[in-house]
Amino acid sequence: MNIDAWLSEFLVSSGFLTKYPYYAAILARMRPVADPSVGRMAVSLHDAHFYLHVNVESFAREPQFVKGVLLHEVHHVVLGHLTHPKFAACEEPELMDLAIEMSANEHIEEPLPPAVTIRAYAPFGIRKGQSTMDRYELLLAHFQKTGTRPRPTPAEQGVGTVDDHKMLTRAANTPGALVQTAMLVERAVDDAKPKRTHAPGAGKKARAQKEEPELAEDTSRYKVCGREPGRILEELFETTLAPEEPLDFREALAMFAARARAPVHTWTRPSRRFPQRIFEVPGRSWALRKSENPRLLVAIDTSLSMTRPELEEIARQLVVLSERAQVIVAECDTQVSRVYPFAGKIDAVFGRGGTDLRPVFDPELLGTHDVDGVVYFTDGDGPTPEEPPAVPTLWILTKPRAFDCGFGHRGYLRTRGRT
């Protein structure tokens, strides 16, 4: 059997491609191999290539499980089970294997062979939505406290693994393995995301024949393991390193600080210069603004066009910026998803859709948070407001490309791994 042809035909004829476009795109970038040494399936990484090991005879006997097991294998890959060192460096591999299997089975509605799920482990604190490491720590804590390894109840379907784990985590200590996982997800997203084409002349800022993502109403089709693909990338990496090349925010913040110190116009008692026009011409006076550090709305472009290294570097730069200003973070792709005070770190960002740089400048949003200026971290690939906002704007651009905006100052951010 030609295993490549079999997999391609199955993804199309079974409806898998239509129902799970991101999963299909990830599988399309893996190399299937017929491997009778595995029970059903397995995944591996060799020489920067992800392999899908398939026991063809097993699925000839159990065709009803093919979809579910394919979803399971993609979960192993995108959750980092194959390449992240933290899953390999554990003191209790058996418990880690259990936690890994729970997470790989979560969010699968297709039929599976007898499988480990979270239901039997609720007494140990296992819940929906937890990370694999959280589940491992809970299982380990129970074992250390009682000396008893967690076991499934008789009500569970089974205790075995859906697939073969003999090659799982072998690539964890391979240099660049985790980056290969991120690249696989990023490229698959580019392959699978739906497009729309703008007609030329559709507005002053429209770009002729510009393709932008447009998610269908059923957004679950465009998720992997219950998450937006961009969220998966965020979870694979941490942002705890120091900035690679710290920006000199002192000069950039001068314009915001100057505005914070500038006199403000206020109304007061009637002017003595026009006694005959009392109650017609009110008096005016000037008062100093508060002299504290400027209060800034820091917008983060969370669209898919923003890469993982860019978002990591932005998180590091905010630590530096927060030492000189009060920082309110706004996350925005095509709409503002979250607004919150910066508390020293950014664990994850929401959005990861298309790009629209206009919502952040909504006068109601700026007025609600009483900010002295806007700092916008973006690659600049999106529509901008026609008119400048009432506050100064500093654009921090993450890519060396033309940026069509008629207002604001510009700065540039260099990220790791890019010259």
Protein backbone atom coordinates (compact mmCIF):
# COMPACT_ATOMS: atom_id res chain seq x y z
CA MET A 1 0.00 0.00 0.00
CA ASN A 2 1.12 3.55 -0.77
CA ILE A 3 0.75 5.02 2.71
CA ASP A 4 0.94 8.65 1.49
CA ALA A 5 -1.89 8.07 -0.98
CA TRP A 6 -3.92 6.22 1.65
CA LEU A 7 -3.66 9.05 4.17
CA SER A 8 -4.40 11.77 1.60
CA GLU A 9 -7.42 9.89 0.30
CA PHE A 10 -8.71 9.24 3.81
CA LEU A 11 -8.43 12.90 4.88
CA VAL A 12 -10.57 13.97 1.92
CA SER A 13 -13.07 11.10 1.51
CA SER A 14 -13.88 10.73 5.21
CA GLY A 15 -14.70 14.42 5.70
CA PHE A 16 -11.73 14.83 8.05
CA LEU A 17 -10.30 17.72 6.01
CA THR A 18 -13.57 19.66 6.12
CA LYS A 19 -14.23 19.06 9.81
CA TYR A 20 -10.63 19.47 11.05
CA PRO A 21 -8.76 21.75 8.60
CA TYR A 22 -5.88 22.64 10.97
CA TYR A 23 -5.38 19.01 11.98
CA ALA A 24 -5.34 17.98 8.33
CA ALA A 25 -2.79 20.69 7.54
CA ILE A 26 -0.51 19.44 10.33
CA LEU A 27 -0.85 15.84 9.16
CA ALA A 28 -0.11 16.93 5.60
CA ARG A 29 3.28 18.23 6.79
CA MET A 30 4.14 14.93 8.49
CA ARG A 31 5.61 11.94 6.69
CA PRO A 32 3.47 8.79 7.04
CA VAL A 33 5.30 5.45 7.13
CA ALA A 34 3.86 1.95 7.29
CA ASP A 35 5.17 0.46 10.54
CA PRO A 36 3.83 -2.92 11.72
CA SER A 37 5.97 -2.65 14.87
CA VAL A 38 3.54 -0.17 16.46
CA GLY A 39 0.16 -1.14 17.83
CA ARG A 40 -1.89 1.42 15.91
CA MET A 41 0.06 4.65 15.44
CA ALA A 42 3.00 6.57 16.80
CA VAL A 43 4.83 9.82 16.08
CA SER A 44 8.55 10.57 15.93
CA LEU A 45 10.97 13.31 14.89
CA HIS A 46 14.13 12.61 12.89
CA ASP A 47 16.33 15.06 11.00
CA ALA A 48 13.80 17.90 11.33
CA HIS A 49 10.98 15.76 9.90
CA PHE A 50 7.92 14.58 11.80
CA TYR A 51 6.89 11.00 11.05
CA LEU A 52 3.51 9.34 11.48
CA HIS A 53 3.97 5.59 12.03
CA VAL A 54 0.90 3.65 10.93
CA ASN A 55 0.02 0.00 11.48
CA VAL A 56 -2.11 -0.45 8.38
CA GLU A 57 -3.38 -3.90 9.37
CA SER A 58 -4.61 -2.60 12.71
CA PHE A 59 -6.76 0.06 11.05
CA ALA A 60 -8.04 -2.42 8.50
CA ARG A 61 -9.51 -4.25 11.52
CA GLU A 62 -10.62 -1.07 13.34
CA PRO A 63 -11.48 1.55 10.69
CA GLN A 64 -13.87 3.31 13.11
CA PHE A 65 -10.90 4.52 15.17
CA VAL A 66 -8.81 6.13 12.43
CA LYS A 67 -10.14 9.69 12.89
CA GLY A 68 -9.86 9.63 16.66
CA VAL A 69 -6.33 8.25 16.66
CA LEU A 70 -5.18 10.80 14.07
CA LEU A 71 -6.48 13.60 16.33
CA HIS A 72 -4.68 11.94 19.24
CA GLU A 73 -1.36 11.94 17.36
CA VAL A 74 -1.67 15.60 16.40
CA HIS A 75 -2.29 16.43 20.07
CA HIS A 76 0.93 14.67 21.07
CA VAL A 77 2.85 16.78 18.55
CA VAL A 78 1.34 20.22 19.12
CA LEU A 79 1.33 19.91 22.93
CA GLY A 80 5.07 19.29 22.82
CA HIS A 81 4.89 15.73 24.16
CA LEU A 82 7.34 14.67 21.50
CA THR A 83 9.87 17.47 21.80
CA HIS A 84 9.63 19.43 25.06
CA PRO A 85 12.37 18.47 27.57
CA LYS A 86 10.04 18.90 30.56
CA PHE A 87 8.09 15.79 29.56
CA ALA A 88 11.22 13.67 29.35
CA ALA A 89 12.95 14.93 32.52
CA CYS A 90 10.58 13.65 35.20
CA GLU A 91 11.12 11.44 38.23
CA GLU A 92 8.05 9.28 37.60
CA PRO A 93 7.82 8.42 33.87
CA GLU A 94 4.79 6.17 34.43
CA LEU A 95 2.77 9.04 35.89
CA MET A 96 3.96 11.37 33.16
CA ASP A 97 2.82 8.83 30.57
CA LEU A 98 -0.59 8.85 32.22
CA ALA A 99 -0.80 12.65 32.20
CA ILE A 100 0.35 12.80 28.58
CA GLU A 101 -2.32 10.32 27.54
CA MET A 102 -5.09 12.22 29.31
CA SER A 103 -4.17 15.46 27.56
CA ALA A 104 -3.88 13.79 24.16
CA ASN A 105 -7.36 12.28 24.54
CA GLU A 106 -9.01 15.49 25.70
CA HIS A 107 -11.17 17.38 23.18
CA ILE A 108 -11.62 14.30 20.98
CA GLU A 109 -15.24 13.51 20.14
CA GLU A 110 -14.49 10.85 17.53
CA PRO A 111 -14.55 7.16 18.60
CA LEU A 112 -11.35 5.98 20.31
CA PRO A 113 -10.09 2.56 21.35
CA PRO A 114 -10.15 1.89 25.13
CA ALA A 115 -8.61 5.11 26.41
CA VAL A 116 -7.44 6.91 29.53
CA THR A 117 -9.59 9.97 30.22
CA ILE A 118 -9.78 12.43 33.09
CA ARG A 119 -13.00 11.10 34.64
CA ALA A 120 -11.40 8.43 36.83
CA TYR A 121 -8.82 10.86 38.18
CA ALA A 122 -11.14 13.56 39.49
CA PRO A 123 -10.44 12.50 43.12
CA PHE A 124 -6.81 13.50 42.56
CA GLY A 125 -7.76 17.01 41.40
CA ILE A 126 -7.68 16.31 37.66
CA ARG A 127 -10.02 18.67 35.80
CA LYS A 128 -10.79 19.79 32.26
CA GLY A 129 -8.49 22.38 30.75
CA GLN A 130 -5.42 21.62 32.88
CA SER A 131 -2.00 21.38 31.27
CA THR A 132 -0.16 18.08 31.04
CA MET A 133 2.35 19.28 33.64
CA ASP A 134 -0.42 20.32 36.04
CA ARG A 135 -1.89 16.83 35.79
CA TYR A 136 1.46 15.18 36.31
CA GLU A 137 2.11 17.28 39.43
CA LEU A 138 -1.28 16.30 40.88
CA LEU A 139 -0.67 12.61 40.20
CA LEU A 140 2.85 12.87 41.64
CA ALA A 141 1.60 14.63 44.78
CA HIS A 142 -0.90 11.86 45.40
CA PHE A 143 1.77 9.19 44.93
CA GLN A 144 4.23 10.96 47.24
CA LYS A 145 1.57 11.43 49.91
CA THR A 146 0.04 7.94 49.85
CA GLY A 147 2.66 5.72 48.22
CA THR A 148 -0.08 4.50 45.89
CA ARG A 149 0.00 5.09 42.17
CA PRO A 150 -3.25 6.45 40.74
CA ARG A 151 -5.21 3.82 38.85
CA PRO A 152 -8.38 4.07 36.78
CA THR A 153 -11.63 2.76 38.21
CA PRO A 154 -13.46 -0.23 36.70
CA ALA A 155 -15.82 2.26 35.08
CA GLU A 156 -13.03 3.54 32.84
CA GLN A 157 -12.85 2.15 29.33
CA GLY A 158 -9.32 0.85 29.77
CA VAL A 159 -5.85 1.54 31.08
CA GLY A 160 -3.77 1.24 27.94
CA THR A 161 -2.55 3.98 25.64
CA VAL A 162 -4.34 4.73 22.40
CA ASP A 163 -1.06 4.70 20.49
CA ASP A 164 2.52 3.53 20.90
CA HIS A 165 4.65 5.76 23.17
CA LYS A 166 7.96 4.02 22.62
CA MET A 167 9.28 6.91 20.48
CA LEU A 168 7.57 9.67 22.45
CA THR A 169 9.96 12.20 24.10
CA ARG A 170 13.02 10.69 22.34
CA ALA A 171 13.48 13.96 20.47
CA ALA A 172 13.14 16.07 23.63
CA ASN A 173 16.88 16.63 23.97
CA THR A 174 17.50 17.14 20.26
CA PRO A 175 18.71 20.72 19.61
CA GLY A 176 15.99 22.74 17.91
CA ALA A 177 13.30 20.08 18.35
CA LEU A 178 10.88 22.41 20.10
CA VAL A 179 11.40 25.06 17.45
CA GLN A 180 10.58 22.44 14.81
CA THR A 181 7.26 21.86 16.56
CA ALA A 182 6.46 25.57 16.53
CA MET A 183 7.40 25.84 12.85
CA LEU A 184 5.17 22.88 12.03
CA VAL A 185 2.18 24.52 13.70
CA GLU A 186 2.86 27.97 12.19
CA ARG A 187 3.21 26.62 8.66
CA ALA A 188 0.16 24.40 8.98
CA VAL A 189 -1.89 27.40 10.12
CA ASP A 190 -0.74 29.36 7.07
CA ASP A 191 -1.76 26.41 4.88
CA ALA A 192 -5.20 25.94 6.41
CA LYS A 193 -6.54 29.36 7.39
CA PRO A 194 -9.41 30.52 5.18
CA LYS A 195 -8.90 33.52 2.95
CA ARG A 196 -10.97 36.31 1.54
CA THR A 197 -10.01 38.76 -1.19
CA HIS A 198 -10.74 42.46 -0.95
CA ALA A 199 -11.79 44.09 -4.18
CA PRO A 200 -9.63 47.02 -5.28
CA GLY A 201 -10.92 50.41 -4.17
CA ALA A 202 -13.02 49.13 -1.26
CA GLY A 203 -12.20 52.11 0.95
CA LYS A 204 -9.24 54.47 1.19
CA LYS A 205 -7.18 52.05 3.28
CA ALA A 206 -8.14 48.86 1.45
CA ARG A 207 -5.32 47.04 -0.26
CA ALA A 208 -6.12 45.58 -3.65
CA GLN A 209 -6.30 41.80 -3.67
CA LYS A 210 -5.15 41.63 -0.04
CA GLU A 211 -5.79 38.28 1.60
CA GLU A 212 -6.77 38.24 5.26
CA PRO A 213 -8.04 35.44 7.48
CA GLU A 214 -11.78 35.13 7.86
CA LEU A 215 -12.90 32.47 10.31
CA ALA A 216 -16.10 30.61 9.65
CA GLU A 217 -18.97 30.75 12.11
CA ASP A 218 -18.00 27.35 13.52
CA THR A 219 -14.77 28.54 15.11
CA SER A 220 -14.15 25.11 16.68
CA ARG A 221 -13.05 23.95 13.23
CA TYR A 222 -10.10 26.29 13.51
CA LYS A 223 -8.85 25.09 16.88
CA VAL A 224 -6.34 22.42 17.84
CA CYS A 225 -6.75 20.58 21.12
CA GLY A 226 -9.46 23.07 22.09
CA ARG A 227 -7.17 26.09 21.60
CA GLU A 228 -6.43 28.66 18.95
CA PRO A 229 -3.22 27.64 17.15
CA GLY A 230 -1.54 30.83 18.31
CA ARG A 231 -2.29 29.90 21.92
CA ILE A 232 -0.60 26.53 21.36
CA LEU A 233 2.55 28.36 20.25
CA GLU A 234 2.46 30.56 23.35
CA GLU A 235 2.26 27.51 25.61
CA LEU A 236 5.26 25.85 23.96
CA PHE A 237 7.58 28.68 24.99
CA GLU A 238 8.16 30.95 27.95
CA THR A 239 9.06 34.66 27.97
CA THR A 240 11.32 34.87 31.01
CA LEU A 241 14.56 35.88 29.29
CA ALA A 242 15.93 39.41 29.40
CA PRO A 243 15.36 41.62 26.33
CA GLU A 244 17.81 40.85 23.56
CA GLU A 245 18.31 44.50 22.65
CA PRO A 246 16.53 46.79 25.14
CA LEU A 247 14.80 49.77 23.59
CA ASP A 248 15.81 53.18 24.91
CA PHE A 249 12.38 54.20 26.13
CA ARG A 250 13.64 57.39 27.78
CA GLU A 251 13.52 59.49 24.62
CA ALA A 252 10.37 57.82 23.35
CA LEU A 253 8.53 58.43 26.61
CA ALA A 254 9.53 62.10 26.71
CA MET A 255 6.56 63.10 24.57
CA PHE A 256 4.15 61.27 26.86
CA ALA A 257 5.72 62.73 30.00
CA ALA A 258 5.60 66.22 28.47
CA ARG A 259 1.90 65.86 27.89
CA ALA A 260 1.40 64.65 31.46
CA ARG A 261 3.11 67.83 32.76
CA ALA A 262 1.47 70.29 30.37
CA PRO A 263 -1.05 72.85 31.73
CA VAL A 264 -4.69 71.98 31.26
CA HIS A 265 -7.48 74.39 30.39
CA THR A 266 -10.17 74.77 33.09
CA TRP A 267 -13.28 76.89 33.56
CA THR A 268 -13.43 79.26 36.57
CA ARG A 269 -15.12 82.50 37.74
CA PRO A 270 -16.25 85.10 35.12
CA SER A 271 -13.59 87.25 33.53
CA ARG A 272 -13.23 90.80 34.92
CA ARG A 273 -12.25 92.01 31.46
CA PHE A 274 -15.85 91.63 30.24
CA PRO A 275 -18.10 92.75 33.14
CA GLN A 276 -20.96 93.49 30.74
CA ARG A 277 -20.89 89.89 29.49
CA ILE A 278 -21.07 88.01 32.79
CA PHE A 279 -22.61 84.58 32.31
CA GLU A 280 -21.89 84.80 28.57
CA VAL A 281 -18.10 84.50 28.54
CA PRO A 282 -16.82 82.26 31.29
CA GLY A 283 -13.42 82.76 32.82
CA ARG A 284 -10.47 80.51 32.08
CA SER A 285 -7.43 79.44 34.06
CA TRP A 286 -4.59 76.92 33.75
CA ALA A 287 -3.64 74.09 36.05
CA LEU A 288 -0.77 71.63 35.93
CA ARG A 289 -1.48 68.04 35.14
CA LYS A 290 -0.44 65.35 37.55
CA SER A 291 3.35 65.04 37.55
CA GLU A 292 3.45 61.25 38.05
CA ASN A 293 4.76 58.83 35.44
CA PRO A 294 2.72 58.82 32.22
CA ARG A 295 -0.16 56.39 32.04
CA LEU A 296 0.09 54.43 28.78
CA LEU A 297 -2.15 52.08 26.89
CA VAL A 298 0.26 49.48 25.47
CA ALA A 299 -1.45 47.67 22.61
CA ILE A 300 -0.16 44.26 21.53
CA ASP A 301 -1.01 43.03 18.05
CA THR A 302 -2.03 39.40 18.74
CA SER A 303 -2.83 38.43 15.16
CA LEU A 304 -1.35 35.32 13.58
CA SER A 305 1.02 37.45 11.51
CA MET A 306 2.88 38.23 14.74
CA THR A 307 5.44 35.49 15.37
CA ARG A 308 6.18 33.76 18.65
CA PRO A 309 9.65 35.41 19.01
CA GLU A 310 8.07 38.82 18.48
CA LEU A 311 5.48 38.27 21.21
CA GLU A 312 8.16 36.92 23.56
CA GLU A 313 10.33 39.99 23.02
CA ILE A 314 7.37 42.32 23.56
CA ALA A 315 6.68 40.66 26.92
CA ARG A 316 10.29 41.25 27.96
CA GLN A 317 10.23 44.87 26.82
CA LEU A 318 7.10 45.58 28.86
CA VAL A 319 9.01 44.73 32.02
CA VAL A 320 11.45 47.53 31.17
CA LEU A 321 8.72 49.95 30.11
CA SER A 322 6.71 49.39 33.29
CA GLU A 323 9.61 50.78 35.35
CA ARG A 324 9.08 54.18 33.69
CA ALA A 325 5.34 54.35 33.15
CA GLN A 326 1.99 53.03 34.30
CA VAL A 327 1.17 50.34 31.74
CA ILE A 328 -2.33 49.23 30.73
CA VAL A 329 -2.16 46.34 28.23
CA ALA A 330 -4.69 45.95 25.43
CA GLU A 331 -4.60 42.77 23.33
CA CYS A 332 -6.05 43.20 19.86
CA ASP A 333 -6.23 41.24 16.61
CA THR A 334 -9.38 42.35 14.76
CA GLN A 335 -10.95 43.47 18.03
CA VAL A 336 -9.79 44.28 21.53
CA SER A 337 -9.98 40.99 23.44
CA ARG A 338 -8.58 42.02 26.84
CA VAL A 339 -7.53 45.17 28.69
CA TYR A 340 -5.68 44.87 32.02
CA PRO A 341 -2.93 46.48 34.12
CA PHE A 342 0.50 45.03 33.43
CA ALA A 343 1.54 42.97 36.46
CA GLY A 344 5.13 42.08 35.55
CA LYS A 345 4.62 39.31 32.99
CA ILE A 346 2.38 38.07 30.19
CA ASP A 347 1.59 34.37 30.41
CA ALA A 348 -0.44 34.17 27.19
CA VAL A 349 -2.30 36.39 24.75
CA PHE A 350 -5.75 36.03 23.27
CA GLY A 351 -6.81 36.57 19.71
CA ARG A 352 -4.49 35.13 17.02
CA GLY A 353 -6.88 35.96 14.19
CA GLY A 354 -6.63 38.69 11.53
CA THR A 355 -5.28 42.23 11.98
CA ASP A 356 -7.09 45.54 12.52
CA LEU A 357 -5.13 48.32 14.23
CA ARG A 358 -8.13 50.66 14.65
CA PRO A 359 -10.14 49.31 17.63
CA VAL A 360 -7.46 50.31 20.17
CA PHE A 361 -7.95 53.99 19.26
CA ASP A 362 -11.65 54.01 20.07
CA PRO A 363 -12.20 57.29 21.99
CA GLU A 364 -14.34 55.52 24.58
CA LEU A 365 -11.58 53.01 25.30
CA LEU A 366 -8.91 55.72 25.60
CA GLY A 367 -11.17 57.87 27.76
CA THR A 368 -12.18 55.03 30.05
CA HIS A 369 -8.57 54.34 30.96
CA ASP A 370 -7.52 58.04 31.02
CA VAL A 371 -4.22 57.40 29.24
CA ASP A 372 -1.56 59.92 28.25
CA GLY A 373 -0.56 58.01 25.13
CA VAL A 374 -0.60 54.77 23.16
CA VAL A 375 2.38 52.48 22.53
CA TYR A 376 1.47 49.94 19.85
CA PHE A 377 3.62 46.81 19.28
CA THR A 378 2.75 45.48 15.81
CA ASP A 379 4.18 44.28 12.52
CA GLY A 380 2.12 47.06 10.90
CA ASP A 381 0.18 44.72 8.63
CA GLY A 382 -3.35 46.04 9.08
CA PRO A 383 -5.67 49.04 8.60
CA THR A 384 -5.05 52.13 10.74
CA PRO A 385 -7.38 55.01 11.75
CA GLU A 386 -8.05 57.71 9.18
CA GLU A 387 -7.69 60.45 11.79
CA PRO A 388 -5.06 60.67 14.55
CA PRO A 389 -6.22 60.05 18.13
CA ALA A 390 -6.34 62.75 20.80
CA VAL A 391 -3.24 61.32 22.49
CA PRO A 392 0.35 60.80 21.21
CA THR A 393 1.11 57.44 19.62
CA LEU A 394 4.34 55.46 19.42
CA TRP A 395 4.38 52.59 16.92
CA ILE A 396 6.94 49.87 17.76
CA LEU A 397 7.26 47.90 14.53
CA THR A 398 8.48 44.31 14.61
CA LYS A 399 9.15 43.86 10.89
CA PRO A 400 11.16 46.02 8.46
CA ARG A 401 8.29 46.72 6.08
CA ALA A 402 6.48 49.79 4.81
CA PHE A 403 3.94 51.09 7.30
CA ASP A 404 1.15 53.24 5.90
CA CYS A 405 0.00 55.41 8.80
CA GLY A 406 -0.16 59.20 8.78
CA PHE A 407 0.39 59.83 12.48
CA GLY A 408 2.55 58.81 15.40
CA HIS A 409 6.26 58.28 16.03
CA ARG A 410 7.98 55.05 15.02
CA GLY A 411 10.46 52.73 16.64
CA TYR A 412 11.70 49.27 15.65
CA LEU A 413 12.04 46.10 17.68
CA ARG A 414 14.62 43.45 16.85
CA THR A 415 13.69 39.92 17.92
CA ARG A 416 15.80 36.86 18.56
CA GLY A 417 16.72 34.78 15.59
CA ARG A 418 16.06 37.56 13.06
CA THR A 419 18.60 39.94 11.60
